[in-house]
Amino acid sequence: MRILGFSQKWSKLDFPEFTTFRHTRGDRDWDVGEQVQIVIQPRRKGGGDKLGIAEIIGKELRELDPFFAHVAPLVTKEEAIADGFNSREDMVYYMEKQDGLDYISIFNKLTLRWVDDAGQ
């Protein structure tokens, strides 16, 4: 089972279903129906805090950069806020900072549902 890591415990993780945005992966992209281990700070010594298991129930392509919006729909302000940000611009800044990039590529918008929330 693959790990789906988060840098912090976002409030969205308290809901039965939640979304997250992840880069598309050339080696093995995320799949609907796949179960993943949700972990806070998975690269931390000791492996991070395991929150439970979730199933990917939806996957859609999205973009943050309006110059490439012809490939996939832009992330909306409402989607960014639902994902835990104050605005779409805050989301762009966060993603650029996290990735160390000065541009944004295509993302998967994953919708997940808790299968086992480890007592959360």
PDB file of N, CA and C in Angstrom:
ATOM      1  N   MET A   1       0.856  -1.184   0.000  1.00  0.00           N
ATOM      2  CA  MET A   1       0.000   0.000   0.000  1.00  0.00           C
ATOM      3  C   MET A   1       0.895   1.238   0.000  1.00  0.00           C
ATOM      4  N   ARG A   2       0.570   2.154  -0.895  1.00  0.00           N
ATOM      5  CA  ARG A   2       1.363   3.377  -0.984  1.00  0.00           C
ATOM      6  C   ARG A   2       0.950   4.388   0.078  1.00  0.00           C
ATOM      7  N   ILE A   3       1.892   5.268   0.371  1.00  0.00           N
ATOM      8  CA  ILE A   3       1.657   6.344   1.338  1.00  0.00           C
ATOM      9  C   ILE A   3       1.252   7.595   0.589  1.00  0.00           C
ATOM     10  N   LEU A   4       0.242   8.273   1.106  1.00  0.00           N
ATOM     11  CA  LEU A   4      -0.149   9.590   0.613  1.00  0.00           C
ATOM     12  C   LEU A   4       0.127  10.541   1.774  1.00  0.00           C
ATOM     13  N   GLY A   5       1.202  11.301   1.654  1.00  0.00           N
ATOM     14  CA  GLY A   5       1.666  12.124   2.763  1.00  0.00           C
ATOM     15  C   GLY A   5       1.165  13.555   2.707  1.00  0.00           C
ATOM     16  N   PHE A   6       1.046  14.141   3.896  1.00  0.00           N
ATOM     17  CA  PHE A   6       0.658  15.540   4.062  1.00  0.00           C
ATOM     18  C   PHE A   6       1.687  16.196   4.963  1.00  0.00           C
ATOM     19  N   SER A   7       1.967  17.469   4.699  1.00  0.00           N
ATOM     20  CA  SER A   7       2.951  18.198   5.488  1.00  0.00           C
ATOM     21  C   SER A   7       2.415  18.598   6.861  1.00  0.00           C
ATOM     22  N   GLN A   8       1.086  18.672   6.976  1.00  0.00           N
ATOM     23  CA  GLN A   8       0.447  19.043   8.238  1.00  0.00           C
ATOM     24  C   GLN A   8      -0.939  18.410   8.305  1.00  0.00           C
ATOM     25  N   LYS A   9      -1.535  18.411   9.467  1.00  0.00           N
ATOM     26  CA  LYS A   9      -2.880  17.845   9.612  1.00  0.00           C
ATOM     27  C   LYS A   9      -3.906  18.920   9.259  1.00  0.00           C
ATOM     28  N   TRP A  10      -4.238  18.968   7.977  1.00  0.00           N
ATOM     29  CA  TRP A  10      -5.232  19.919   7.484  1.00  0.00           C
ATOM     30  C   TRP A  10      -6.594  19.572   8.058  1.00  0.00           C
ATOM     31  N   SER A  11      -7.426  20.567   8.290  1.00  0.00           N
ATOM     32  CA  SER A  11      -8.772  20.334   8.845  1.00  0.00           C
ATOM     33  C   SER A  11      -9.625  19.471   7.926  1.00  0.00           C
ATOM     34  N   LYS A  12      -9.354  19.479   6.624  1.00  0.00           N
ATOM     35  CA  LYS A  12     -10.133  18.665   5.689  1.00  0.00           C
ATOM     36  C   LYS A  12     -10.009  17.176   6.004  1.00  0.00           C
ATOM     37  N   LEU A  13      -8.931  16.774   6.677  1.00  0.00           N
ATOM     38  CA  LEU A  13      -8.731  15.362   7.003  1.00  0.00           C
ATOM     39  C   LEU A  13      -9.689  14.866   8.080  1.00  0.00           C
ATOM     40  N   ASP A  14     -10.446  15.775   8.695  1.00  0.00           N
ATOM     41  CA  ASP A  14     -11.434  15.398   9.708  1.00  0.00           C
ATOM     42  C   ASP A  14     -12.770  14.980   9.089  1.00  0.00           C
ATOM     43  N   PHE A  15     -12.936  15.188   7.781  1.00  0.00           N
ATOM     44  CA  PHE A  15     -14.199  14.867   7.120  1.00  0.00           C
ATOM     45  C   PHE A  15     -14.163  13.447   6.556  1.00  0.00           C
ATOM     46  N   PRO A  16     -15.330  12.803   6.396  1.00  0.00           N
ATOM     47  CA  PRO A  16     -15.380  11.441   5.834  1.00  0.00           C
ATOM     48  C   PRO A  16     -14.817  11.368   4.413  1.00  0.00           C
ATOM     49  N   GLU A  17     -15.002  12.443   3.629  1.00  0.00           N
ATOM     50  CA  GLU A  17     -14.434  12.548   2.292  1.00  0.00           C
ATOM     51  C   GLU A  17     -13.672  13.864   2.198  1.00  0.00           C
ATOM     52  N   PHE A  18     -12.559  13.849   1.476  1.00  0.00           N
ATOM     53  CA  PHE A  18     -11.751  15.051   1.327  1.00  0.00           C
ATOM     54  C   PHE A  18     -11.014  15.003  -0.008  1.00  0.00           C
ATOM     55  N   THR A  19     -10.514  16.150  -0.429  1.00  0.00           N
ATOM     56  CA  THR A  19      -9.747  16.218  -1.673  1.00  0.00           C
ATOM     57  C   THR A  19      -8.319  16.638  -1.384  1.00  0.00           C
ATOM     58  N   THR A  20      -7.454  16.312  -2.323  1.00  0.00           N
ATOM     59  CA  THR A  20      -6.073  16.752  -2.279  1.00  0.00           C
ATOM     60  C   THR A  20      -5.577  16.848  -3.710  1.00  0.00           C
ATOM     61  N   PHE A  21      -4.600  17.692  -3.926  1.00  0.00           N
ATOM     62  CA  PHE A  21      -4.027  17.864  -5.254  1.00  0.00           C
ATOM     63  C   PHE A  21      -2.624  17.277  -5.252  1.00  0.00           C
ATOM     64  N   ARG A  22      -2.357  16.420  -6.240  1.00  0.00           N
ATOM     65  CA  ARG A  22      -1.056  15.759  -6.351  1.00  0.00           C
ATOM     66  C   ARG A  22      -0.569  15.832  -7.786  1.00  0.00           C
ATOM     67  N   HIS A  23       0.740  15.959  -7.959  1.00  0.00           N
ATOM     68  CA  HIS A  23       1.311  15.930  -9.302  1.00  0.00           C
ATOM     69  C   HIS A  23       0.964  14.605  -9.970  1.00  0.00           C
ATOM     70  N   THR A  24       0.790  14.677 -11.282  1.00  0.00           N
ATOM     71  CA  THR A  24       0.658  13.429 -12.026  1.00  0.00           C
ATOM     72  C   THR A  24       2.003  12.716 -11.938  1.00  0.00           C
ATOM     73  N   ARG A  25       1.964  11.407 -11.994  1.00  0.00           N
ATOM     74  CA  ARG A  25       3.184  10.616 -11.852  1.00  0.00           C
ATOM     75  C   ARG A  25       3.412   9.789 -13.101  1.00  0.00           C
ATOM     76  N   GLY A  26       4.612   9.865 -13.644  1.00  0.00           N
ATOM     77  CA  GLY A  26       4.939   9.095 -14.827  1.00  0.00           C
ATOM     78  C   GLY A  26       5.194   7.627 -14.525  1.00  0.00           C
ATOM     79  N   ASP A  27       5.717   7.359 -13.313  1.00  0.00           N
ATOM     80  CA  ASP A  27       6.052   5.980 -12.968  1.00  0.00           C
ATOM     81  C   ASP A  27       4.810   5.153 -12.611  1.00  0.00           C
ATOM     82  N   ARG A  28       3.959   5.707 -11.786  1.00  0.00           N
ATOM     83  CA  ARG A  28       2.726   5.021 -11.388  1.00  0.00           C
ATOM     84  C   ARG A  28       1.778   6.066 -10.820  1.00  0.00           C
ATOM     85  N   ASP A  29       0.869   6.508 -11.652  1.00  0.00           N
ATOM     86  CA  ASP A  29      -0.070   7.539 -11.226  1.00  0.00           C
ATOM     87  C   ASP A  29      -1.085   6.950 -10.254  1.00  0.00           C
ATOM     88  N   TRP A  30      -1.764   7.831  -9.551  1.00  0.00           N
ATOM     89  CA  TRP A  30      -2.799   7.425  -8.605  1.00  0.00           C
ATOM     90  C   TRP A  30      -4.001   6.863  -9.366  1.00  0.00           C
ATOM     91  N   ASP A  31      -4.660   5.848  -8.806  1.00  0.00           N
ATOM     92  CA  ASP A  31      -5.792   5.197  -9.458  1.00  0.00           C
ATOM     93  C   ASP A  31      -7.038   5.231  -8.592  1.00  0.00           C
ATOM     94  N   VAL A  32      -8.178   5.440  -9.227  1.00  0.00           N
ATOM     95  CA  VAL A  32      -9.458   5.319  -8.526  1.00  0.00           C
ATOM     96  C   VAL A  32      -9.580   3.867  -8.053  1.00  0.00           C
ATOM     97  N   GLY A  33     -10.007   3.701  -6.811  1.00  0.00           N
ATOM     98  CA  GLY A  33     -10.125   2.373  -6.209  1.00  0.00           C
ATOM     99  C   GLY A  33      -8.913   1.971  -5.392  1.00  0.00           C
ATOM    100  N   GLU A  34      -7.818   2.678  -5.549  1.00  0.00           N
ATOM    101  CA  GLU A  34      -6.597   2.387  -4.803  1.00  0.00           C
ATOM    102  C   GLU A  34      -6.754   2.825  -3.351  1.00  0.00           C
ATOM    103  N   GLN A  35      -6.289   1.993  -2.428  1.00  0.00           N
ATOM    104  CA  GLN A  35      -6.273   2.366  -1.017  1.00  0.00           C
ATOM    105  C   GLN A  35      -4.870   2.842  -0.673  1.00  0.00           C
ATOM    106  N   VAL A  36      -4.812   3.917   0.123  1.00  0.00           N
ATOM    107  CA  VAL A  36      -3.540   4.526   0.483  1.00  0.00           C
ATOM    108  C   VAL A  36      -3.492   4.778   1.985  1.00  0.00           C
ATOM    109  N   GLN A  37      -2.290   4.754   2.530  1.00  0.00           N
ATOM    110  CA  GLN A  37      -2.064   5.078   3.944  1.00  0.00           C
ATOM    111  C   GLN A  37      -1.866   6.586   4.042  1.00  0.00           C
ATOM    112  N   ILE A  38      -2.685   7.267   4.837  1.00  0.00           N
ATOM    113  CA  ILE A  38      -2.567   8.714   5.021  1.00  0.00           C
ATOM    114  C   ILE A  38      -1.617   8.965   6.192  1.00  0.00           C
ATOM    115  N   VAL A  39      -0.556   9.732   5.909  1.00  0.00           N
ATOM    116  CA  VAL A  39       0.494   9.961   6.902  1.00  0.00           C
ATOM    117  C   VAL A  39       0.846  11.450   6.928  1.00  0.00           C
ATOM    118  N   ILE A  40       0.986  11.985   8.140  1.00  0.00           N
ATOM    119  CA  ILE A  40       1.461  13.356   8.316  1.00  0.00           C
ATOM    120  C   ILE A  40       2.977  13.303   8.423  1.00  0.00           C
ATOM    121  N   GLN A  41       3.662  14.093   7.617  1.00  0.00           N
ATOM    122  CA  GLN A  41       5.123  14.169   7.569  1.00  0.00           C
ATOM    123  C   GLN A  41       5.759  12.780   7.446  1.00  0.00           C
ATOM    124  N   PRO A  42       5.479  12.064   6.351  1.00  0.00           N
ATOM    125  CA  PRO A  42       5.969  10.700   6.204  1.00  0.00           C
ATOM    126  C   PRO A  42       7.492  10.565   6.137  1.00  0.00           C
ATOM    127  N   ARG A  43       8.189  11.617   5.769  1.00  0.00           N
ATOM    128  CA  ARG A  43       9.657  11.531   5.662  1.00  0.00           C
ATOM    129  C   ARG A  43      10.363  11.852   6.976  1.00  0.00           C
ATOM    130  N   ARG A  44       9.573  12.189   7.993  1.00  0.00           N
ATOM    131  CA  ARG A  44      10.146  12.467   9.311  1.00  0.00           C
ATOM    132  C   ARG A  44      10.731  11.177   9.887  1.00  0.00           C
ATOM    133  N   LYS A  45      11.750  11.326  10.676  1.00  0.00           N
ATOM    134  CA  LYS A  45      12.354  10.166  11.322  1.00  0.00           C
ATOM    135  C   LYS A  45      11.274   9.421  12.105  1.00  0.00           C
ATOM    136  N   GLY A  46      11.190   8.146  11.909  1.00  0.00           N
ATOM    137  CA  GLY A  46      10.161   7.343  12.561  1.00  0.00           C
ATOM    138  C   GLY A  46       8.930   7.142  11.679  1.00  0.00           C
ATOM    139  N   GLY A  47       8.916   7.785  10.517  1.00  0.00           N
ATOM    140  CA  GLY A  47       7.845   7.528   9.559  1.00  0.00           C
ATOM    141  C   GLY A  47       6.621   8.400   9.642  1.00  0.00           C
ATOM    142  N   GLY A  48       6.576   9.356  10.526  1.00  0.00           N
ATOM    143  CA  GLY A  48       5.436  10.264  10.601  1.00  0.00           C
ATOM    144  C   GLY A  48       4.250   9.683  11.348  1.00  0.00           C
ATOM    145  N   ASP A  49       3.168  10.464  11.410  1.00  0.00           N
ATOM    146  CA  ASP A  49       1.954  10.059  12.115  1.00  0.00           C
ATOM    147  C   ASP A  49       0.971   9.445  11.141  1.00  0.00           C
ATOM    148  N   LYS A  50       0.647   8.164  11.348  1.00  0.00           N
ATOM    149  CA  LYS A  50      -0.296   7.463  10.481  1.00  0.00           C
ATOM    150  C   LYS A  50      -1.716   7.769  10.945  1.00  0.00           C
ATOM    151  N   LEU A  51      -2.522   8.327  10.034  1.00  0.00           N
ATOM    152  CA  LEU A  51      -3.895   8.684  10.383  1.00  0.00           C
ATOM    153  C   LEU A  51      -4.896   7.602  10.020  1.00  0.00           C
ATOM    154  N   GLY A  52      -4.573   6.763   9.068  1.00  0.00           N
ATOM    155  CA  GLY A  52      -5.490   5.716   8.664  1.00  0.00           C
ATOM    156  C   GLY A  52      -5.391   5.421   7.183  1.00  0.00           C
ATOM    157  N   ILE A  53      -6.367   4.657   6.703  1.00  0.00           N
ATOM    158  CA  ILE A  53      -6.398   4.241   5.306  1.00  0.00           C
ATOM    159  C   ILE A  53      -7.584   4.908   4.621  1.00  0.00           C
ATOM    160  N   ALA A  54      -7.334   5.419   3.418  1.00  0.00           N
ATOM    161  CA  ALA A  54      -8.388   6.038   2.617  1.00  0.00           C
ATOM    162  C   ALA A  54      -8.369   5.420   1.223  1.00  0.00           C
ATOM    163  N   GLU A  55      -9.536   5.470   0.581  1.00  0.00           N
ATOM    164  CA  GLU A  55      -9.653   4.968  -0.787  1.00  0.00           C
ATOM    165  C   GLU A  55      -9.846   6.148  -1.731  1.00  0.00           C
ATOM    166  N   ILE A  56      -9.151   6.113  -2.856  1.00  0.00           N
ATOM    167  CA  ILE A  56      -9.325   7.142  -3.883  1.00  0.00           C
ATOM    168  C   ILE A  56     -10.630   6.846  -4.604  1.00  0.00           C
ATOM    169  N   ILE A  57     -11.590   7.772  -4.510  1.00  0.00           N
ATOM    170  CA  ILE A  57     -12.899   7.560  -5.134  1.00  0.00           C
ATOM    171  C   ILE A  57     -13.122   8.465  -6.338  1.00  0.00           C
ATOM    172  N   GLY A  58     -12.204   9.386  -6.584  1.00  0.00           N
ATOM    173  CA  GLY A  58     -12.316  10.272  -7.740  1.00  0.00           C
ATOM    174  C   GLY A  58     -10.973  10.837  -8.122  1.00  0.00           C
ATOM    175  N   LYS A  59     -10.802  11.077  -9.426  1.00  0.00           N
ATOM    176  CA  LYS A  59      -9.546  11.629  -9.934  1.00  0.00           C
ATOM    177  C   LYS A  59      -9.874  12.472 -11.168  1.00  0.00           C
ATOM    178  N   GLU A  60      -9.447  13.751 -11.121  1.00  0.00           N
ATOM    179  CA  GLU A  60      -9.662  14.675 -12.230  1.00  0.00           C
ATOM    180  C   GLU A  60      -8.393  15.492 -12.430  1.00  0.00           C
ATOM    181  N   LEU A  61      -8.077  15.822 -13.669  1.00  0.00           N
ATOM    182  CA  LEU A  61      -6.927  16.683 -13.948  1.00  0.00           C
ATOM    183  C   LEU A  61      -7.289  18.142 -13.695  1.00  0.00           C
ATOM    184  N   ARG A  62      -6.352  18.882 -13.119  1.00  0.00           N
ATOM    185  CA  ARG A  62      -6.518  20.313 -12.870  1.00  0.00           C
ATOM    186  C   ARG A  62      -5.182  21.014 -13.101  1.00  0.00           C
ATOM    187  N   GLU A  63      -5.261  22.321 -13.344  1.00  0.00           N
ATOM    188  CA  GLU A  63      -4.076  23.159 -13.483  1.00  0.00           C
ATOM    189  C   GLU A  63      -4.206  24.378 -12.592  1.00  0.00           C
ATOM    190  N   LEU A  64      -3.064  24.916 -12.189  1.00  0.00           N
ATOM    191  CA  LEU A  64      -3.035  26.171 -11.440  1.00  0.00           C
ATOM    192  C   LEU A  64      -2.574  27.334 -12.298  1.00  0.00           C
ATOM    193  N   ASP A  65      -1.826  27.054 -13.320  1.00  0.00           N
ATOM    194  CA  ASP A  65      -1.254  28.102 -14.157  1.00  0.00           C
ATOM    195  C   ASP A  65      -2.184  28.423 -15.320  1.00  0.00           C
ATOM    196  N   PRO A  66      -2.719  29.647 -15.383  1.00  0.00           N
ATOM    197  CA  PRO A  66      -3.671  29.981 -16.451  1.00  0.00           C
ATOM    198  C   PRO A  66      -3.077  29.928 -17.853  1.00  0.00           C
ATOM    199  N   PHE A  67      -1.761  29.948 -17.975  1.00  0.00           N
ATOM    200  CA  PHE A  67      -1.136  29.873 -19.291  1.00  0.00           C
ATOM    201  C   PHE A  67      -1.209  28.466 -19.881  1.00  0.00           C
ATOM    202  N   PHE A  68      -1.502  27.482 -19.041  1.00  0.00           N
ATOM    203  CA  PHE A  68      -1.602  26.101 -19.511  1.00  0.00           C
ATOM    204  C   PHE A  68      -2.999  25.534 -19.325  1.00  0.00           C
ATOM    205  N   ALA A  69      -3.975  26.391 -19.126  1.00  0.00           N
ATOM    206  CA  ALA A  69      -5.337  25.948 -18.822  1.00  0.00           C
ATOM    207  C   ALA A  69      -6.014  25.223 -19.981  1.00  0.00           C
ATOM    208  N   HIS A  70      -5.398  25.228 -21.130  1.00  0.00           N
ATOM    209  CA  HIS A  70      -5.989  24.512 -22.256  1.00  0.00           C
ATOM    210  C   HIS A  70      -5.821  23.002 -22.121  1.00  0.00           C
ATOM    211  N   VAL A  71      -4.931  22.533 -21.256  1.00  0.00           N
ATOM    212  CA  VAL A  71      -4.695  21.104 -21.061  1.00  0.00           C
ATOM    213  C   VAL A  71      -5.715  20.516 -20.090  1.00  0.00           C
ATOM    214  N   ALA A  72      -6.033  21.238 -19.044  1.00  0.00           N
ATOM    215  CA  ALA A  72      -6.987  20.781 -18.029  1.00  0.00           C
ATOM    216  C   ALA A  72      -7.652  22.016 -17.430  1.00  0.00           C
ATOM    217  N   PRO A  73      -8.819  21.848 -16.814  1.00  0.00           N
ATOM    218  CA  PRO A  73      -9.477  22.999 -16.181  1.00  0.00           C
ATOM    219  C   PRO A  73      -8.633  23.583 -15.052  1.00  0.00           C
ATOM    220  N   LEU A  74      -8.722  24.890 -14.889  1.00  0.00           N
ATOM    221  CA  LEU A  74      -8.038  25.554 -13.776  1.00  0.00           C
ATOM    222  C   LEU A  74      -8.687  25.183 -12.451  1.00  0.00           C
ATOM    223  N   VAL A  75      -7.866  25.112 -11.404  1.00  0.00           N
ATOM    224  CA  VAL A  75      -8.389  24.970 -10.055  1.00  0.00           C
ATOM    225  C   VAL A  75      -9.195  26.226  -9.753  1.00  0.00           C
ATOM    226  N   THR A  76     -10.404  26.061  -9.254  1.00  0.00           N
ATOM    227  CA  THR A  76     -11.245  27.209  -8.931  1.00  0.00           C
ATOM    228  C   THR A  76     -10.929  27.725  -7.529  1.00  0.00           C
ATOM    229  N   LYS A  77     -11.361  28.936  -7.273  1.00  0.00           N
ATOM    230  CA  LYS A  77     -11.215  29.521  -5.934  1.00  0.00           C
ATOM    231  C   LYS A  77     -11.900  28.624  -4.905  1.00  0.00           C
ATOM    232  N   GLU A  78     -13.084  28.109  -5.246  1.00  0.00           N
ATOM    233  CA  GLU A  78     -13.842  27.251  -4.321  1.00  0.00           C
ATOM    234  C   GLU A  78     -13.092  25.952  -4.026  1.00  0.00           C
ATOM    235  N   GLU A  79     -12.456  25.376  -5.052  1.00  0.00           N
ATOM    236  CA  GLU A  79     -11.680  24.146  -4.840  1.00  0.00           C
ATOM    237  C   GLU A  79     -10.477  24.417  -3.944  1.00  0.00           C
ATOM    238  N   ALA A  80      -9.814  25.539  -4.159  1.00  0.00           N
ATOM    239  CA  ALA A  80      -8.649  25.886  -3.340  1.00  0.00           C
ATOM    240  C   ALA A  80      -9.055  26.086  -1.881  1.00  0.00           C
ATOM    241  N   ILE A  81     -10.166  26.753  -1.661  1.00  0.00           N
ATOM    242  CA  ILE A  81     -10.647  26.974  -0.293  1.00  0.00           C
ATOM    243  C   ILE A  81     -11.043  25.651   0.355  1.00  0.00           C
ATOM    244  N   ALA A  82     -11.737  24.787  -0.385  1.00  0.00           N
ATOM    245  CA  ALA A  82     -12.112  23.471   0.143  1.00  0.00           C
ATOM    246  C   ALA A  82     -10.880  22.638   0.472  1.00  0.00           C
ATOM    247  N   ASP A  83      -9.780  22.896  -0.219  1.00  0.00           N
ATOM    248  CA  ASP A  83      -8.540  22.163   0.014  1.00  0.00           C
ATOM    249  C   ASP A  83      -7.754  22.714   1.197  1.00  0.00           C
ATOM    250  N   GLY A  84      -8.223  23.816   1.798  1.00  0.00           N
ATOM    251  CA  GLY A  84      -7.592  24.337   3.006  1.00  0.00           C
ATOM    252  C   GLY A  84      -6.864  25.650   2.846  1.00  0.00           C
ATOM    253  N   PHE A  85      -6.956  26.268   1.685  1.00  0.00           N
ATOM    254  CA  PHE A  85      -6.261  27.531   1.439  1.00  0.00           C
ATOM    255  C   PHE A  85      -7.229  28.703   1.547  1.00  0.00           C
ATOM    256  N   ASN A  86      -6.695  29.899   1.743  1.00  0.00           N
ATOM    257  CA  ASN A  86      -7.522  31.104   1.823  1.00  0.00           C
ATOM    258  C   ASN A  86      -7.976  31.581   0.450  1.00  0.00           C
ATOM    259  N   SER A  87      -7.187  31.240  -0.575  1.00  0.00           N
ATOM    260  CA  SER A  87      -7.494  31.682  -1.931  1.00  0.00           C
ATOM    261  C   SER A  87      -6.742  30.790  -2.911  1.00  0.00           C
ATOM    262  N   ARG A  88      -7.061  30.951  -4.172  1.00  0.00           N
ATOM    263  CA  ARG A  88      -6.353  30.230  -5.227  1.00  0.00           C
ATOM    264  C   ARG A  88      -4.889  30.660  -5.274  1.00  0.00           C
ATOM    265  N   GLU A  89      -4.644  31.954  -5.067  1.00  0.00           N
ATOM    266  CA  GLU A  89      -3.281  32.472  -5.091  1.00  0.00           C
ATOM    267  C   GLU A  89      -2.433  31.877  -3.962  1.00  0.00           C
ATOM    268  N   ASP A  90      -3.042  31.703  -2.772  1.00  0.00           N
ATOM    269  CA  ASP A  90      -2.328  31.067  -1.666  1.00  0.00           C
ATOM    270  C   ASP A  90      -1.948  29.629  -2.023  1.00  0.00           C
ATOM    271  N   MET A  91      -2.836  28.956  -2.733  1.00  0.00           N
ATOM    272  CA  MET A  91      -2.557  27.584  -3.145  1.00  0.00           C
ATOM    273  C   MET A  91      -1.388  27.545  -4.131  1.00  0.00           C
ATOM    274  N   VAL A  92      -1.378  28.467  -5.094  1.00  0.00           N
ATOM    275  CA  VAL A  92      -0.285  28.544  -6.062  1.00  0.00           C
ATOM    276  C   VAL A  92       1.035  28.771  -5.327  1.00  0.00           C
ATOM    277  N   TYR A  93       1.058  29.720  -4.408  1.00  0.00           N
ATOM    278  CA  TYR A  93       2.272  30.022  -3.649  1.00  0.00           C
ATOM    279  C   TYR A  93       2.750  28.790  -2.874  1.00  0.00           C
ATOM    280  N   TYR A  94       1.828  28.111  -2.199  1.00  0.00           N
ATOM    281  CA  TYR A  94       2.164  26.931  -1.405  1.00  0.00           C
ATOM    282  C   TYR A  94       2.751  25.833  -2.290  1.00  0.00           C
ATOM    283  N   MET A  95       2.103  25.549  -3.413  1.00  0.00           N
ATOM    284  CA  MET A  95       2.571  24.484  -4.302  1.00  0.00           C
ATOM    285  C   MET A  95       3.946  24.820  -4.874  1.00  0.00           C
ATOM    286  N   GLU A  96       4.160  26.072  -5.249  1.00  0.00           N
ATOM    287  CA  GLU A  96       5.469  26.475  -5.767  1.00  0.00           C
ATOM    288  C   GLU A  96       6.541  26.319  -4.691  1.00  0.00           C
ATOM    289  N   LYS A  97       6.211  26.717  -3.473  1.00  0.00           N
ATOM    290  CA  LYS A  97       7.158  26.624  -2.358  1.00  0.00           C
ATOM    291  C   LYS A  97       7.467  25.154  -2.039  1.00  0.00           C
ATOM    292  N   GLN A  98       6.437  24.323  -1.999  1.00  0.00           N
ATOM    293  CA  GLN A  98       6.618  22.907  -1.684  1.00  0.00           C
ATOM    294  C   GLN A  98       7.490  22.213  -2.720  1.00  0.00           C
ATOM    295  N   ASP A  99       7.266  22.530  -3.978  1.00  0.00           N
ATOM    296  CA  ASP A  99       7.960  21.845  -5.062  1.00  0.00           C
ATOM    297  C   ASP A  99       9.268  22.500  -5.451  1.00  0.00           C
ATOM    298  N   GLY A 100       9.509  23.722  -4.963  1.00  0.00           N
ATOM    299  CA  GLY A 100      10.707  24.441  -5.338  1.00  0.00           C
ATOM    300  C   GLY A 100      10.700  24.850  -6.806  1.00  0.00           C
ATOM    301  N   LEU A 101       9.511  25.048  -7.344  1.00  0.00           N
ATOM    302  CA  LEU A 101       9.372  25.397  -8.750  1.00  0.00           C
ATOM    303  C   LEU A 101       8.875  26.826  -8.897  1.00  0.00           C
ATOM    304  N   ASP A 102       9.154  27.418 -10.036  1.00  0.00           N
ATOM    305  CA  ASP A 102       8.588  28.737 -10.313  1.00  0.00           C
ATOM    306  C   ASP A 102       7.501  28.627 -11.383  1.00  0.00           C
ATOM    307  N   TYR A 103       7.020  27.429 -11.608  1.00  0.00           N
ATOM    308  CA  TYR A 103       5.893  27.203 -12.498  1.00  0.00           C
ATOM    309  C   TYR A 103       5.067  26.049 -11.929  1.00  0.00           C
ATOM    310  N   ILE A 104       3.874  25.903 -12.386  1.00  0.00           N
ATOM    311  CA  ILE A 104       2.985  24.853 -11.897  1.00  0.00           C
ATOM    312  C   ILE A 104       2.615  23.935 -13.054  1.00  0.00           C
ATOM    313  N   SER A 105       2.723  22.651 -12.831  1.00  0.00           N
ATOM    314  CA  SER A 105       2.348  21.698 -13.858  1.00  0.00           C
ATOM    315  C   SER A 105       0.923  21.190 -13.620  1.00  0.00           C
ATOM    316  N   ILE A 106       0.566  20.163 -14.319  1.00  0.00           N
ATOM    317  CA  ILE A 106      -0.772  19.573 -14.180  1.00  0.00           C
ATOM    318  C   ILE A 106      -0.823  18.755 -12.892  1.00  0.00           C
ATOM    319  N   PHE A 107      -1.972  18.831 -12.229  1.00  0.00           N
ATOM    320  CA  PHE A 107      -2.197  18.094 -10.991  1.00  0.00           C
ATOM    321  C   PHE A 107      -3.373  17.146 -11.142  1.00  0.00           C
ATOM    322  N   ASN A 108      -3.366  16.104 -10.325  1.00  0.00           N
ATOM    323  CA  ASN A 108      -4.550  15.285 -10.126  1.00  0.00           C
ATOM    324  C   ASN A 108      -5.313  15.863  -8.948  1.00  0.00           C
ATOM    325  N   LYS A 109      -6.599  16.075  -9.107  1.00  0.00           N
ATOM    326  CA  LYS A 109      -7.453  16.382  -7.963  1.00  0.00           C
ATOM    327  C   LYS A 109      -8.008  15.033  -7.527  1.00  0.00           C
ATOM    328  N   LEU A 110      -7.541  14.562  -6.376  1.00  0.00           N
ATOM    329  CA  LEU A 110      -7.981  13.270  -5.855  1.00  0.00           C
ATOM    330  C   LEU A 110      -9.052  13.490  -4.799  1.00  0.00           C
ATOM    331  N   THR A 111     -10.110  12.728  -4.884  1.00  0.00           N
ATOM    332  CA  THR A 111     -11.139  12.702  -3.848  1.00  0.00           C
ATOM    333  C   THR A 111     -10.974  11.381  -3.120  1.00  0.00           C
ATOM    334  N   LEU A 112     -10.879  11.466  -1.801  1.00  0.00           N
ATOM    335  CA  LEU A 112     -10.661  10.271  -0.990  1.00  0.00           C
ATOM    336  C   LEU A 112     -11.753  10.109   0.050  1.00  0.00           C
ATOM    337  N   ARG A 113     -11.980   8.871   0.435  1.00  0.00           N
ATOM    338  CA  ARG A 113     -12.935   8.538   1.497  1.00  0.00           C
ATOM    339  C   ARG A 113     -12.204   7.638   2.498  1.00  0.00           C
ATOM    340  N   TRP A 114     -12.356   7.981   3.770  1.00  0.00           N
ATOM    341  CA  TRP A 114     -11.745   7.167   4.817  1.00  0.00           C
ATOM    342  C   TRP A 114     -12.346   5.764   4.801  1.00  0.00           C
ATOM    343  N   VAL A 115     -11.467   4.768   4.879  1.00  0.00           N
ATOM    344  CA  VAL A 115     -11.862   3.364   5.021  1.00  0.00           C
ATOM    345  C   VAL A 115     -11.663   2.951   6.470  1.00  0.00           C
ATOM    346  N   ASP A 116     -10.528   3.371   7.014  1.00  0.00           N
ATOM    347  CA  ASP A 116     -10.169   3.108   8.413  1.00  0.00           C
ATOM    348  C   ASP A 116      -9.406   4.323   8.902  1.00  0.00           C
ATOM    349  N   ASP A 117     -10.008   5.040   9.834  1.00  0.00           N
ATOM    350  CA  ASP A 117      -9.361   6.286  10.273  1.00  0.00           C
ATOM    351  C   ASP A 117      -8.544   6.125  11.550  1.00  0.00           C
ATOM    352  N   ALA A 118      -8.179   4.912  11.886  1.00  0.00           N
ATOM    353  CA  ALA A 118      -7.272   4.647  13.016  1.00  0.00           C
ATOM    354  C   ALA A 118      -7.710   5.344  14.291  1.00  0.00           C
ATOM    355  N   GLY A 119      -9.017   5.416  14.511  1.00  0.00           N
ATOM    356  CA  GLY A 119      -9.533   5.977  15.748  1.00  0.00           C
ATOM    357  C   GLY A 119      -9.592   7.486  15.789  1.00  0.00           C
ATOM    358  N   GLN A 120      -9.395   8.156  14.662  1.00  0.00           N
ATOM    359  CA  GLN A 120      -9.407   9.622  14.627  1.00  0.00           C
ATOM    360  C   GLN A 120     -10.784  10.156  14.941  1.00  0.00           C
TER     361      GLN A 120
END
